[in-house]
């Protein structure tokens, strides 16, 4: 009898949940109809944490069954936009709404409209609840709004300067040289993604903590215990952010949970201990007025201490009646420093690592583009030793290498942007029509559609073509050689075409006041790695039995296009299938 009662309770609970879901869906549908744009009905909210953890496992099953090609399998999973590109907007218009039981999600593909959204940061805010996974170690620049965000921005801005970019440049060249030595010592490699992650992590360690480590490939012995604990713990945390958000770090240590999840908890402890040790070192260095390197930890600790002291002095002097608290106007707390250290490791490490992996594999499919950037490297660098490659003199001249970065993240943008209307409805102009977005509605800048729509990028918008970012007064835009004028090297008349500052169709680093503060950091790192790899070497796919080089390149290109998707960020899902070989020129 008890068993039957439990089954009955379970049955009614499922029915009640289903009815509640339908009720919420109906309410949201009623709200969405008022907007006046096309609607797409989805049964599950894309922001549902549980669904995010299993969506890519479930959707392939539904695609195999009859009638499995509807809106659910087309749109209701992470990374759908990478496969769909601009097609949904071409079919439905510049704006349409995903109607779900959770929230309504307005998808926008219009440069002028998005420029308006980015400028109106008080009306269109970031849904901080969706970014909770980045609060693992404390509040940070990515998860705060209003005055708190301004305080975080003011403190962290001290770190992003040309002096630090010089450090990033030197460390990136050093790491790229080590990675090339490792790769060129082998007949083939299948660890591109792991190896670029190591490189990026080492650059971040140097720039973030002032700790420099020699490069080590995927199958080489681990380095010092210090570097191993830092790298392994951060990798484990970044790979498992979803269970961290669902259960919280402390709950992952429960005895009844899988051992794998307990290792995630231990990783958070290890990483926090690593940060704490460095934090205490910085405090002691400040106390004894010791000179320190220009790294992220130093900048955050010193800027926070100075701002806290200034805020305390203002409060003691009574300069402002009813002034905000010291916490609100002063420096960052210890936990906030840890939070920002983590978010910059996340944003400055994983995003660049995946972009480097995409870029290198795509270059392997395009020997003509490799020749194109090598021509620039020979012209700018000559035979100089890498130690003599000055950041101020060299980086601005490597326009083609920068174009490879821009074109790579145009097609493979590592992270999306999310906005919402918060508690008030907001008017929004899309083309020649003004609509009103209800309160608590998600706004999604359709980055994948924006970056590939033929309206902005032409008929070859889906083609990886770095030369689209270069213009020349002496040769056509698409010219990939430098032979048209024997008296003057055409490289001298080439210019990089930056995205327009207003109403740009390129939003890889976001825009407006909340654009990515580490944009120049990532550009410097990527260009330095290109310089370190492709000056005297070239890379190509290793053909499988029965393939020639052209067939191997086509296979790898299909691999990138079809087997890239969202995990936490956009990445190649099976990079080990891209087996490459390096050859000296």
Protein backbone atom coordinates (compact mmCIF):
# COMPACT_ATOMS: atom_id res chain seq x y z
CA UNK A 1 0.00 0.00 0.00
CA UNK A 2 2.79 2.41 0.89
CA UNK A 3 4.44 1.79 -2.47
CA UNK A 4 1.21 2.56 -4.31
CA UNK A 5 0.75 5.74 -2.30
CA UNK A 6 4.26 6.91 -3.15
CA UNK A 7 3.67 6.23 -6.84
CA UNK A 8 0.41 8.15 -6.68
CA UNK A 9 2.13 11.11 -5.02
CA UNK A 10 4.88 11.00 -7.63
CA UNK A 11 2.29 10.87 -10.42
CA UNK A 12 0.39 13.89 -9.11
CA UNK A 13 3.65 15.78 -8.56
CA UNK A 14 4.63 15.20 -12.19
CA UNK A 15 1.18 16.25 -13.41
CA UNK A 16 1.25 19.35 -11.20
CA UNK A 17 4.69 20.29 -12.50
CA UNK A 18 3.55 19.80 -16.10
CA UNK A 19 0.46 21.94 -15.55
CA UNK A 20 2.52 24.67 -13.88
CA UNK A 21 4.98 24.62 -16.77
CA UNK A 22 2.14 24.98 -19.29
CA UNK A 23 0.65 27.80 -17.22
CA UNK A 24 3.99 29.69 -17.19
CA UNK A 25 4.42 29.07 -20.90
CA UNK A 26 0.93 30.48 -21.57
CA UNK A 27 1.65 33.60 -19.50
CA UNK A 28 4.94 34.20 -21.30
CA UNK A 29 3.27 33.62 -24.67
CA UNK A 30 0.67 36.26 -23.79
CA UNK A 31 3.47 38.73 -22.90
CA UNK A 32 5.52 37.89 -25.99
CA UNK A 33 2.62 38.47 -28.38
CA UNK A 34 2.54 42.13 -27.30
CA UNK A 35 6.08 42.67 -28.59
CA UNK A 36 4.99 42.25 -32.19
CA UNK A 37 7.82 40.10 -33.59
CA UNK A 38 7.85 36.42 -34.65
CA UNK A 39 7.62 33.87 -31.82
CA UNK A 40 9.33 30.49 -31.41
CA UNK A 41 7.84 28.23 -28.72
CA UNK A 42 10.35 26.15 -26.73
CA UNK A 43 9.44 23.70 -23.95
CA UNK A 44 12.52 24.36 -21.79
CA UNK A 45 14.14 27.62 -20.72
CA UNK A 46 17.68 27.85 -22.21
CA UNK A 47 18.91 29.19 -18.86
CA UNK A 48 17.69 26.15 -16.91
CA UNK A 49 20.84 24.91 -15.16
CA UNK A 50 19.80 21.26 -15.13
CA UNK A 51 18.95 21.38 -18.84
CA UNK A 52 22.27 23.06 -19.60
CA UNK A 53 24.06 20.09 -18.06
CA UNK A 54 22.31 17.49 -20.25
CA UNK A 55 21.00 19.29 -23.36
CA UNK A 56 23.75 18.20 -25.74
CA UNK A 57 23.28 14.60 -24.59
CA UNK A 58 19.49 14.61 -25.07
CA UNK A 59 19.06 16.55 -28.31
CA UNK A 60 20.91 14.04 -30.58
CA UNK A 61 18.44 11.35 -29.45
CA UNK A 62 15.43 13.46 -30.40
CA UNK A 63 16.98 14.28 -33.77
CA UNK A 64 16.99 10.57 -34.64
CA UNK A 65 13.28 9.98 -34.04
CA UNK A 66 10.52 10.76 -36.58
CA UNK A 67 9.39 14.40 -36.56
CA UNK A 68 12.52 15.29 -34.60
CA UNK A 69 13.50 18.27 -36.74
CA UNK A 70 11.27 20.94 -35.18
CA UNK A 71 12.03 24.04 -33.10
CA UNK A 72 13.02 21.98 -30.05
CA UNK A 73 15.93 20.24 -31.75
CA UNK A 74 16.85 23.29 -33.81
CA UNK A 75 16.96 25.91 -31.03
CA UNK A 76 16.66 24.38 -27.56
CA UNK A 77 20.31 23.55 -26.82
CA UNK A 78 23.55 25.35 -26.07
CA UNK A 79 25.42 26.31 -29.20
CA UNK A 80 22.50 26.06 -31.64
CA UNK A 81 23.51 29.45 -33.05
CA UNK A 82 26.91 28.14 -34.19
CA UNK A 83 25.25 25.65 -36.52
CA UNK A 84 22.39 27.95 -37.52
CA UNK A 85 24.48 31.10 -38.06
CA UNK A 86 22.30 33.82 -39.71
CA UNK A 87 19.64 31.49 -41.13
CA UNK A 88 17.05 31.96 -38.36
CA UNK A 89 17.25 35.75 -38.69
CA UNK A 90 17.09 35.52 -42.46
CA UNK A 91 13.88 33.52 -42.00
CA UNK A 92 12.30 35.39 -39.06
CA UNK A 93 13.74 38.91 -39.27
CA UNK A 94 16.11 41.03 -37.20
CA UNK A 95 14.29 40.15 -33.97
CA UNK A 96 12.28 37.19 -32.77
CA UNK A 97 11.39 35.72 -29.37
CA UNK A 98 12.01 32.35 -27.78
CA UNK A 99 8.90 31.81 -25.63
CA UNK A 100 9.73 29.42 -22.78
CA UNK A 101 8.24 28.45 -19.38
CA UNK A 102 11.04 30.37 -17.65
CA UNK A 103 11.60 33.66 -19.42
CA UNK A 104 11.18 35.11 -22.88
CA UNK A 105 14.40 35.51 -24.85
CA UNK A 106 14.53 38.20 -27.57
CA UNK A 107 17.12 37.40 -30.22
CA UNK A 108 18.47 40.53 -31.96
CA UNK A 109 20.54 40.78 -35.16
CA UNK A 110 20.73 44.48 -36.02
CA UNK A 111 23.88 46.57 -35.57
CA UNK A 112 22.09 49.85 -34.82
CA UNK A 113 19.75 48.21 -32.30
CA UNK A 114 22.59 46.47 -30.49
CA UNK A 115 24.58 49.71 -30.33
CA UNK A 116 21.54 51.27 -28.61
CA UNK A 117 21.31 48.35 -26.16
CA UNK A 118 25.00 48.53 -25.26
CA UNK A 119 24.80 52.28 -24.66
CA UNK A 120 21.75 52.03 -22.40
CA UNK A 121 23.47 50.04 -19.67
CA UNK A 122 21.07 51.24 -16.96
CA UNK A 123 18.03 49.98 -18.90
CA UNK A 124 19.56 46.82 -20.35
CA UNK A 125 21.57 45.16 -17.59
CA UNK A 126 23.44 41.92 -17.27
CA UNK A 127 21.41 39.10 -15.65
CA UNK A 128 23.84 38.53 -12.81
CA UNK A 129 21.94 35.42 -11.67
CA UNK A 130 23.04 33.70 -14.89
CA UNK A 131 26.67 34.53 -14.15
CA UNK A 132 26.58 33.01 -10.67
CA UNK A 133 29.07 30.36 -11.79
CA UNK A 134 31.72 33.08 -11.85
CA UNK A 135 31.14 33.89 -8.17
CA UNK A 136 32.89 30.71 -7.05
CA UNK A 137 35.52 32.69 -5.13
CA UNK A 138 33.74 36.00 -4.65
CA UNK A 139 31.94 38.88 -6.42
CA UNK A 140 33.84 40.28 -9.39
CA UNK A 141 33.75 42.58 -12.39
CA UNK A 142 31.70 40.10 -14.41
CA UNK A 143 28.94 39.51 -11.86
CA UNK A 144 28.24 42.96 -10.38
CA UNK A 145 26.10 45.89 -11.49
CA UNK A 146 25.66 49.57 -10.68
CA UNK A 147 27.97 51.17 -8.10
CA UNK A 148 29.52 47.82 -7.21
CA UNK A 149 30.52 47.27 -10.83
CA UNK A 150 31.98 50.77 -11.05
CA UNK A 151 34.08 50.07 -7.96
CA UNK A 152 35.37 46.80 -9.42
CA UNK A 153 36.05 48.44 -12.78
CA UNK A 154 38.00 51.28 -11.18
CA UNK A 155 40.28 48.94 -9.25
CA UNK A 156 40.84 46.41 -12.04
CA UNK A 157 41.49 49.12 -14.66
CA UNK A 158 44.88 49.76 -13.06
CA UNK A 159 46.07 46.40 -14.39
CA UNK A 160 45.30 46.86 -18.08
CA UNK A 161 48.01 49.13 -19.41
CA UNK A 162 50.82 49.13 -21.96
CA UNK A 163 53.39 48.11 -19.38
CA UNK A 164 51.43 44.94 -18.71
CA UNK A 165 50.89 44.35 -22.44
CA UNK A 166 54.69 44.40 -22.84
CA UNK A 167 54.91 41.66 -20.22
CA UNK A 168 52.19 39.62 -22.00
CA UNK A 169 54.05 40.03 -25.30
CA UNK A 170 57.37 38.77 -23.94
CA UNK A 171 55.87 35.85 -22.05
CA UNK A 172 53.71 34.80 -25.02
CA UNK A 173 56.72 34.73 -27.36
CA UNK A 174 58.68 32.70 -24.80
CA UNK A 175 55.83 30.19 -24.41
CA UNK A 176 55.22 29.99 -28.19
CA UNK A 177 58.90 29.25 -28.77
CA UNK A 178 58.74 26.43 -26.22
CA UNK A 179 55.53 25.06 -27.71
CA UNK A 180 57.07 25.07 -31.19
CA UNK A 181 60.12 23.18 -29.93
CA UNK A 182 57.81 20.56 -28.46
CA UNK A 183 55.61 20.28 -31.57
CA UNK A 184 58.49 20.25 -34.06
CA UNK A 185 60.19 17.42 -32.15
CA UNK A 186 57.31 15.08 -33.00
CA UNK A 187 56.24 13.54 -36.28
CA UNK A 188 52.62 14.49 -35.51
CA UNK A 189 50.57 16.04 -32.74
CA UNK A 190 46.95 15.63 -31.71
CA UNK A 191 47.12 17.77 -28.56
CA UNK A 192 46.72 21.27 -30.05
CA UNK A 193 43.85 22.26 -27.73
CA UNK A 194 45.60 20.96 -24.58
CA UNK A 195 48.87 22.58 -25.57
CA UNK A 196 47.40 26.00 -26.33
CA UNK A 197 45.62 25.81 -23.00
CA UNK A 198 48.94 25.23 -21.27
CA UNK A 199 50.48 28.15 -23.13
CA UNK A 200 47.64 30.49 -22.25
CA UNK A 201 47.66 29.36 -18.63
CA UNK A 202 51.38 30.07 -18.35
CA UNK A 203 50.91 33.54 -19.85
CA UNK A 204 48.09 34.19 -17.39
CA UNK A 205 50.22 32.92 -14.51
CA UNK A 206 52.99 35.34 -15.42
CA UNK A 207 50.69 38.30 -16.03
CA UNK A 208 48.34 37.46 -13.15
CA UNK A 209 50.69 36.30 -10.42
CA UNK A 210 54.22 37.12 -11.58
CA UNK A 211 55.00 33.39 -11.77
CA UNK A 212 56.72 32.23 -14.96
CA UNK A 213 57.01 28.53 -15.86
CA UNK A 214 58.79 26.79 -18.76
CA UNK A 215 56.50 25.42 -21.46
CA UNK A 216 55.59 21.72 -21.21
CA UNK A 217 53.69 19.70 -23.77
CA UNK A 218 50.79 17.37 -23.12
CA UNK A 219 52.93 14.24 -22.69
CA UNK A 220 55.95 15.84 -21.03
CA UNK A 221 56.62 15.40 -17.29
CA UNK A 222 54.82 17.87 -15.04
CA UNK A 223 56.77 20.84 -13.79
CA UNK A 224 57.06 22.11 -10.27
CA UNK A 225 54.45 21.15 -7.69
CA UNK A 226 53.50 24.84 -7.56
CA UNK A 227 52.68 25.10 -11.27
CA UNK A 228 50.99 21.71 -11.37
CA UNK A 229 48.60 22.48 -8.50
CA UNK A 230 47.67 25.84 -10.02
CA UNK A 231 47.13 24.52 -13.55
CA UNK A 232 45.34 21.31 -12.62
CA UNK A 233 43.01 22.92 -10.09
CA UNK A 234 42.02 25.78 -12.41
CA UNK A 235 41.43 23.38 -15.31
CA UNK A 236 39.21 21.16 -13.16
CA UNK A 237 37.21 24.17 -11.94
CA UNK A 238 36.69 25.61 -15.42
CA UNK A 239 35.65 22.22 -16.81
CA UNK A 240 33.05 21.71 -14.09
CA UNK A 241 31.42 25.08 -13.49
CA UNK A 242 27.88 23.73 -13.85
CA UNK A 243 27.98 21.30 -10.86
CA UNK A 244 29.77 24.04 -8.94
CA UNK A 245 26.81 26.35 -9.57
CA UNK A 246 24.13 23.73 -8.94
CA UNK A 247 25.52 22.43 -5.64
CA UNK A 248 28.00 25.08 -4.51
CA UNK A 249 31.68 24.36 -3.74
CA UNK A 250 31.16 23.26 -0.12
CA UNK A 251 28.37 20.81 -0.96
CA UNK A 252 30.63 19.01 -3.43
CA UNK A 253 32.57 17.54 -0.51
CA UNK A 254 29.62 15.51 0.80
CA UNK A 255 30.48 11.86 1.41
CA UNK A 256 27.66 10.50 -0.75
CA UNK A 257 28.64 12.38 -3.91
CA UNK A 258 30.82 10.84 -6.66
CA UNK A 259 34.57 10.99 -6.10
CA UNK A 260 34.93 13.07 -9.27
CA UNK A 261 32.85 15.85 -7.71
CA UNK A 262 34.90 15.69 -4.53
CA UNK A 263 37.98 16.32 -6.64
CA UNK A 264 36.27 19.47 -7.95
CA UNK A 265 35.78 20.65 -4.38
CA UNK A 266 39.44 19.92 -3.61
CA UNK A 267 40.41 21.92 -6.69
CA UNK A 268 38.57 24.98 -5.34
CA UNK A 269 40.42 24.59 -2.04
CA UNK A 270 43.79 24.25 -3.81
CA UNK A 271 43.19 27.25 -6.04
CA UNK A 272 41.99 29.41 -3.13
CA UNK A 273 45.05 28.42 -1.08
CA UNK A 274 47.28 29.34 -4.02
CA UNK A 275 45.65 32.76 -4.27
CA UNK A 276 45.77 33.29 -0.50
CA UNK A 277 49.49 32.59 -0.38
CA UNK A 278 50.19 35.08 -3.16
CA UNK A 279 47.83 37.61 -1.60
CA UNK A 280 49.70 37.45 1.69
CA UNK A 281 53.02 37.80 -0.17
CA UNK A 282 51.76 40.99 -1.79
CA UNK A 283 50.53 42.43 1.50
CA UNK A 284 53.90 41.76 3.11
CA UNK A 285 55.69 43.31 0.14
CA UNK A 286 53.55 46.45 0.50
CA UNK A 287 54.12 46.56 4.25
CA UNK A 288 57.90 46.52 3.76
CA UNK A 289 57.83 48.72 0.62
CA UNK A 290 59.38 46.02 -1.53
CA UNK A 291 59.33 46.50 -5.32
CA UNK A 292 57.01 44.06 -7.12
CA UNK A 293 56.34 43.11 -10.74
CA UNK A 294 53.38 44.52 -12.65
CA UNK A 295 50.97 41.59 -12.35
CA UNK A 296 47.25 41.31 -11.66
CA UNK A 297 47.55 40.30 -8.00
CA UNK A 298 49.94 43.18 -7.28
CA UNK A 299 47.70 45.68 -9.08
CA UNK A 300 44.52 44.57 -7.30
CA UNK A 301 46.06 44.47 -3.83
CA UNK A 302 47.83 47.80 -4.15
CA UNK A 303 44.94 49.62 -5.86
CA UNK A 304 42.52 48.24 -3.27
CA UNK A 305 44.73 49.29 -0.35
CA UNK A 306 45.23 52.78 -1.77
CA UNK A 307 41.53 53.29 -2.52
CA UNK A 308 40.49 51.96 0.89
CA UNK A 309 42.90 54.33 2.60
CA UNK A 310 41.62 57.26 0.53
CA UNK A 311 38.01 56.34 1.30
CA UNK A 312 38.78 56.08 5.01
CA UNK A 313 40.52 59.46 4.95
CA UNK A 314 37.51 61.05 3.25
CA UNK A 315 35.17 59.52 5.81
CA UNK A 316 37.33 60.68 8.73
CA UNK A 317 37.45 64.19 7.28
CA UNK A 318 33.68 64.19 6.97
CA UNK A 319 33.85 65.42 3.40
CA UNK A 320 30.48 63.96 2.47
CA UNK A 321 27.38 63.78 4.56
CA UNK A 322 25.60 60.52 4.13
CA UNK A 323 28.51 59.21 2.07
CA UNK A 324 28.43 55.64 0.88
CA UNK A 325 30.17 53.03 2.98
CA UNK A 326 33.87 52.35 2.76
CA UNK A 327 33.06 49.01 1.15
CA UNK A 328 31.08 50.75 -1.61
CA UNK A 329 33.59 53.45 -2.49
CA UNK A 330 36.88 51.96 -1.34
CA UNK A 331 39.01 49.06 -2.58
CA UNK A 332 38.13 45.41 -2.99
CA UNK A 333 37.78 42.94 -0.15
CA UNK A 334 39.96 39.85 -0.03
CA UNK A 335 37.16 37.68 -1.45
CA UNK A 336 36.51 40.23 -4.21
CA UNK A 337 40.18 40.15 -5.15
CA UNK A 338 39.99 36.35 -5.36
CA UNK A 339 36.79 36.64 -7.40
CA UNK A 340 38.43 38.95 -9.90
CA UNK A 341 41.57 36.83 -10.07
CA UNK A 342 39.40 33.85 -10.95
CA UNK A 343 37.24 35.66 -13.52
CA UNK A 344 40.33 37.02 -15.28
CA UNK A 345 41.84 33.54 -15.31
CA UNK A 346 38.58 32.29 -16.80
CA UNK A 347 38.16 35.11 -19.31
CA UNK A 348 41.84 35.65 -20.08
CA UNK A 349 42.89 32.03 -20.21
CA UNK A 350 40.20 29.73 -21.60
CA UNK A 351 38.87 32.15 -24.21
CA UNK A 352 42.31 32.83 -25.67
CA UNK A 353 43.32 29.17 -25.46
CA UNK A 354 40.32 28.03 -27.50
CA UNK A 355 40.78 30.86 -30.00
CA UNK A 356 44.43 29.90 -30.47
CA UNK A 357 43.42 26.27 -31.05
CA UNK A 358 40.83 27.31 -33.65
CA UNK A 359 43.30 29.66 -35.33
CA UNK A 360 46.13 27.14 -35.59
CA UNK A 361 43.88 24.36 -36.90
CA UNK A 362 42.25 26.71 -39.43
CA UNK A 363 45.68 27.86 -40.58
CA UNK A 364 46.61 24.22 -41.15
CA UNK A 365 43.75 24.06 -43.68
CA UNK A 366 44.93 27.21 -45.48
CA UNK A 367 48.59 27.11 -46.58
CA UNK A 368 47.96 30.30 -48.59
CA UNK A 369 47.11 32.22 -45.40
CA UNK A 370 50.19 30.77 -43.68
CA UNK A 371 52.34 32.07 -46.54
CA UNK A 372 50.56 35.43 -46.26
CA UNK A 373 51.37 35.94 -42.55
CA UNK A 374 54.88 34.49 -42.93
CA UNK A 375 55.56 37.12 -45.59
CA UNK A 376 54.63 39.79 -43.05
CA UNK A 377 56.73 38.18 -40.31
CA UNK A 378 59.80 38.06 -42.55
CA UNK A 379 59.32 41.69 -43.55
CA UNK A 380 58.79 42.99 -40.00
CA UNK A 381 61.11 40.73 -38.00
CA UNK A 382 63.82 39.82 -40.46
CA UNK A 383 66.42 37.53 -38.87
CA UNK A 384 66.29 39.08 -35.41
CA UNK A 385 66.28 36.88 -32.35
CA UNK A 386 62.86 36.66 -30.61
CA UNK A 387 64.33 38.34 -27.54
CA UNK A 388 64.78 41.47 -29.69
CA UNK A 389 61.15 41.62 -30.85
CA UNK A 390 60.11 44.82 -29.14
CA UNK A 391 56.42 45.03 -28.28
CA UNK A 392 56.13 48.74 -29.11
CA UNK A 393 57.90 48.36 -32.45
CA UNK A 394 56.66 44.96 -33.64
CA UNK A 395 53.10 44.43 -32.44
CA UNK A 396 51.55 47.39 -34.32
CA UNK A 397 53.22 46.20 -37.54
CA UNK A 398 51.80 42.64 -37.48
CA UNK A 399 48.47 43.58 -39.03
CA UNK A 400 47.98 40.30 -40.89
CA UNK A 401 48.53 38.28 -37.71
CA UNK A 402 45.93 40.47 -36.00
CA UNK A 403 43.58 39.85 -38.93
CA UNK A 404 43.85 36.10 -38.30
CA UNK A 405 42.65 36.67 -34.74
CA UNK A 406 39.71 38.86 -35.78
CA UNK A 407 38.60 36.46 -38.48
CA UNK A 408 38.88 33.48 -36.15
CA UNK A 409 36.73 35.01 -33.41
CA UNK A 410 34.32 36.37 -36.01
CA UNK A 411 33.37 32.80 -36.88
CA UNK A 412 34.18 31.18 -33.54
CA UNK A 413 33.35 33.69 -30.82
CA UNK A 414 34.19 31.94 -27.53
CA UNK A 415 31.53 33.50 -25.29
CA UNK A 416 28.10 35.03 -25.83
CA UNK A 417 26.60 38.25 -24.46
CA UNK A 418 23.39 38.34 -22.41
CA UNK A 419 21.30 41.34 -21.39
CA UNK A 420 17.88 41.77 -19.78
CA UNK A 421 15.29 44.48 -19.18
CA UNK A 422 15.34 44.06 -15.41
CA UNK A 423 12.15 45.34 -13.70
CA UNK A 424 10.89 47.85 -16.28
CA UNK A 425 9.65 47.54 -19.88
CA UNK A 426 11.95 49.18 -22.43
CA UNK A 427 11.27 50.64 -25.89
CA UNK A 428 13.64 49.46 -28.59
CA UNK A 429 13.92 50.51 -32.21
CA UNK A 430 14.62 47.75 -34.73
CA UNK A 431 14.90 49.01 -38.28
CA UNK A 432 11.93 51.30 -38.94
CA UNK A 433 9.85 49.82 -36.12
CA UNK A 434 9.79 50.54 -32.37
CA UNK A 435 8.82 47.68 -30.06
CA UNK A 436 8.44 47.49 -26.28
CA UNK A 437 10.29 44.73 -24.46
CA UNK A 438 8.47 43.64 -21.26
CA UNK A 439 10.18 43.64 -17.87
CA UNK A 440 12.32 40.64 -16.92
CA UNK A 441 12.89 39.68 -20.54
CA UNK A 442 16.21 38.34 -21.75
CA UNK A 443 17.93 40.15 -24.64
CA UNK A 444 20.39 38.09 -26.68
CA UNK A 445 22.67 39.87 -29.14
CA UNK A 446 22.83 37.21 -31.85
CA UNK A 447 26.60 37.27 -32.19
CA UNK A 448 26.86 34.28 -34.53
CA UNK A 449 24.26 35.79 -36.88
CA UNK A 450 25.81 39.26 -36.61
CA UNK A 451 29.24 37.87 -37.45
CA UNK A 452 28.07 35.96 -40.53
CA UNK A 453 25.08 37.84 -41.95
CA UNK A 454 25.66 38.61 -45.65
CA UNK A 455 24.20 42.08 -45.05
CA UNK A 456 27.36 42.95 -43.11
CA UNK A 457 29.99 40.55 -44.46
CA UNK A 458 29.07 39.83 -48.08
CA UNK A 459 28.40 36.62 -49.96
CA UNK A 460 31.48 34.86 -48.50
CA UNK A 461 30.40 35.55 -44.91
CA UNK A 462 30.78 31.89 -43.88
CA UNK A 463 34.30 31.61 -45.30
CA UNK A 464 37.32 32.01 -43.03
CA UNK A 465 39.18 34.76 -44.90
CA UNK A 466 41.57 36.88 -42.76
CA UNK A 467 42.37 39.18 -45.68
CA UNK A 468 38.93 40.80 -45.34
CA UNK A 469 40.41 42.77 -42.42
CA UNK A 470 43.25 44.24 -44.51
CA UNK A 471 43.09 47.05 -47.04
CA UNK A 472 45.86 48.35 -49.27
CA UNK A 473 46.31 51.37 -51.47
CA UNK A 474 48.42 49.34 -53.88
CA UNK A 475 46.53 46.05 -54.31
CA UNK A 476 42.98 44.66 -54.18
CA UNK A 477 41.58 43.72 -50.76
CA UNK A 478 41.74 40.03 -51.49
CA UNK A 479 45.27 39.99 -52.89
CA UNK A 480 47.30 37.46 -50.93
CA UNK A 481 50.69 38.15 -52.51
CA UNK A 482 53.14 41.04 -52.50
CA UNK A 483 54.39 41.05 -56.07
CA UNK A 484 52.38 43.83 -57.78
CA UNK A 485 54.96 46.60 -57.20
CA UNK A 486 58.62 45.58 -57.38
CA UNK A 487 59.85 49.01 -56.20
CA UNK A 488 57.88 49.15 -52.98
CA UNK A 489 56.78 46.37 -50.70
CA UNK A 490 52.96 46.43 -50.64
CA UNK A 491 53.07 45.64 -46.93
CA UNK A 492 54.03 49.27 -46.35
CA UNK A 493 50.71 50.45 -47.74
CA UNK A 494 48.54 47.93 -45.92
CA UNK A 495 46.24 48.90 -43.08
CA UNK A 496 44.12 46.90 -40.66
CA UNK A 497 40.39 47.64 -40.97
CA UNK A 498 39.04 48.02 -37.44
CA UNK A 499 35.33 47.42 -36.79
CA UNK A 500 33.32 50.67 -36.75
CA UNK A 501 33.05 52.22 -33.31
CA UNK A 502 29.30 52.82 -33.66
CA UNK A 503 26.77 50.24 -34.81
CA UNK A 504 29.45 47.62 -35.39
CA UNK A 505 28.43 44.17 -36.67
CA UNK A 506 31.45 42.79 -34.80
CA UNK A 507 30.72 42.27 -31.09
CA UNK A 508 33.21 39.59 -30.05
CA UNK A 509 34.48 41.71 -27.13
CA UNK A 510 31.04 43.21 -26.45
CA UNK A 511 30.66 47.00 -26.71
CA UNK A 512 29.82 50.08 -24.70
CA UNK A 513 30.90 50.66 -21.10
CA UNK A 514 30.96 46.92 -20.37
CA UNK A 515 33.19 45.90 -23.24
CA UNK A 516 35.88 43.38 -22.38
CA UNK A 517 38.74 45.09 -20.47
CA UNK A 518 41.15 42.35 -21.58
CA UNK A 519 40.70 42.87 -25.32
CA UNK A 520 44.21 44.23 -25.89
CA UNK A 521 45.64 41.52 -23.61
CA UNK A 522 44.17 38.78 -25.84
CA UNK A 523 45.23 40.54 -29.04
CA UNK A 524 48.82 40.88 -27.86
CA UNK A 525 48.97 37.24 -26.75
CA UNK A 526 47.50 35.86 -29.99
CA UNK A 527 49.71 37.95 -32.29
CA UNK A 528 52.83 37.09 -30.29
CA UNK A 529 52.05 33.37 -30.60
CA UNK A 530 51.55 33.72 -34.37
CA UNK A 531 54.96 35.43 -34.59
CA UNK A 532 56.59 32.72 -32.49
CA UNK A 533 55.16 29.86 -34.55
CA UNK A 534 55.01 30.84 -38.20
CA UNK A 535 58.21 32.74 -38.94
CA UNK A 536 60.19 29.69 -40.06
CA UNK A 537 57.69 26.85 -39.80
CA UNK A 538 54.44 25.73 -41.37
CA UNK A 539 51.75 23.30 -40.27
CA UNK A 540 49.57 20.87 -42.18
CA UNK A 541 47.05 18.11 -41.42
CA UNK A 542 48.37 14.56 -41.38
CA UNK A 543 46.54 12.66 -44.17
CA UNK A 544 44.65 9.51 -43.28
CA UNK A 545 45.11 6.38 -45.42
CA UNK A 546 43.89 7.08 -48.95
CA UNK A 547 43.97 10.88 -48.55
CA UNK A 548 46.14 13.44 -50.27
CA UNK A 549 46.96 16.82 -48.67
CA UNK A 550 43.93 18.57 -50.17
CA UNK A 551 41.56 15.89 -48.89
CA UNK A 552 43.13 16.08 -45.42
CA UNK A 553 42.66 19.85 -45.34
CA UNK A 554 39.00 19.50 -46.34
CA UNK A 555 38.41 16.89 -43.65
CA UNK A 556 39.89 19.11 -40.93
CA UNK A 557 37.87 22.07 -42.16
CA UNK A 558 34.67 20.00 -41.88
CA UNK A 559 35.75 18.88 -38.41
CA UNK A 560 36.00 22.49 -37.23
CA UNK A 561 32.70 23.50 -38.83
CA UNK A 562 30.63 20.51 -37.69
CA UNK A 563 32.20 19.47 -34.39
CA UNK A 564 32.51 22.76 -32.55
CA UNK A 565 30.09 23.58 -29.78
CA UNK A 566 29.46 25.05 -26.36
CA UNK A 567 30.81 23.38 -23.26
CA UNK A 568 31.37 26.32 -20.97
CA UNK A 569 32.77 28.29 -23.91
CA UNK A 570 32.77 27.61 -27.62
CA UNK A 571 35.45 25.07 -28.44
CA UNK A 572 36.32 22.19 -30.72
CA UNK A 573 34.55 19.19 -29.25
CA UNK A 574 37.03 16.66 -30.61
CA UNK A 575 40.32 18.50 -31.20
CA UNK A 576 42.26 15.23 -30.95
CA UNK A 577 40.88 14.34 -34.41
CA UNK A 578 42.86 17.25 -35.88
CA UNK A 579 46.25 15.53 -36.19
CA UNK A 580 48.84 18.04 -37.41
CA UNK A 581 52.50 18.01 -38.39
CA UNK A 582 54.99 20.89 -38.36
CA UNK A 583 57.64 21.35 -41.05
CA UNK A 584 60.46 23.84 -41.38
CA UNK A 585 60.13 26.16 -44.36
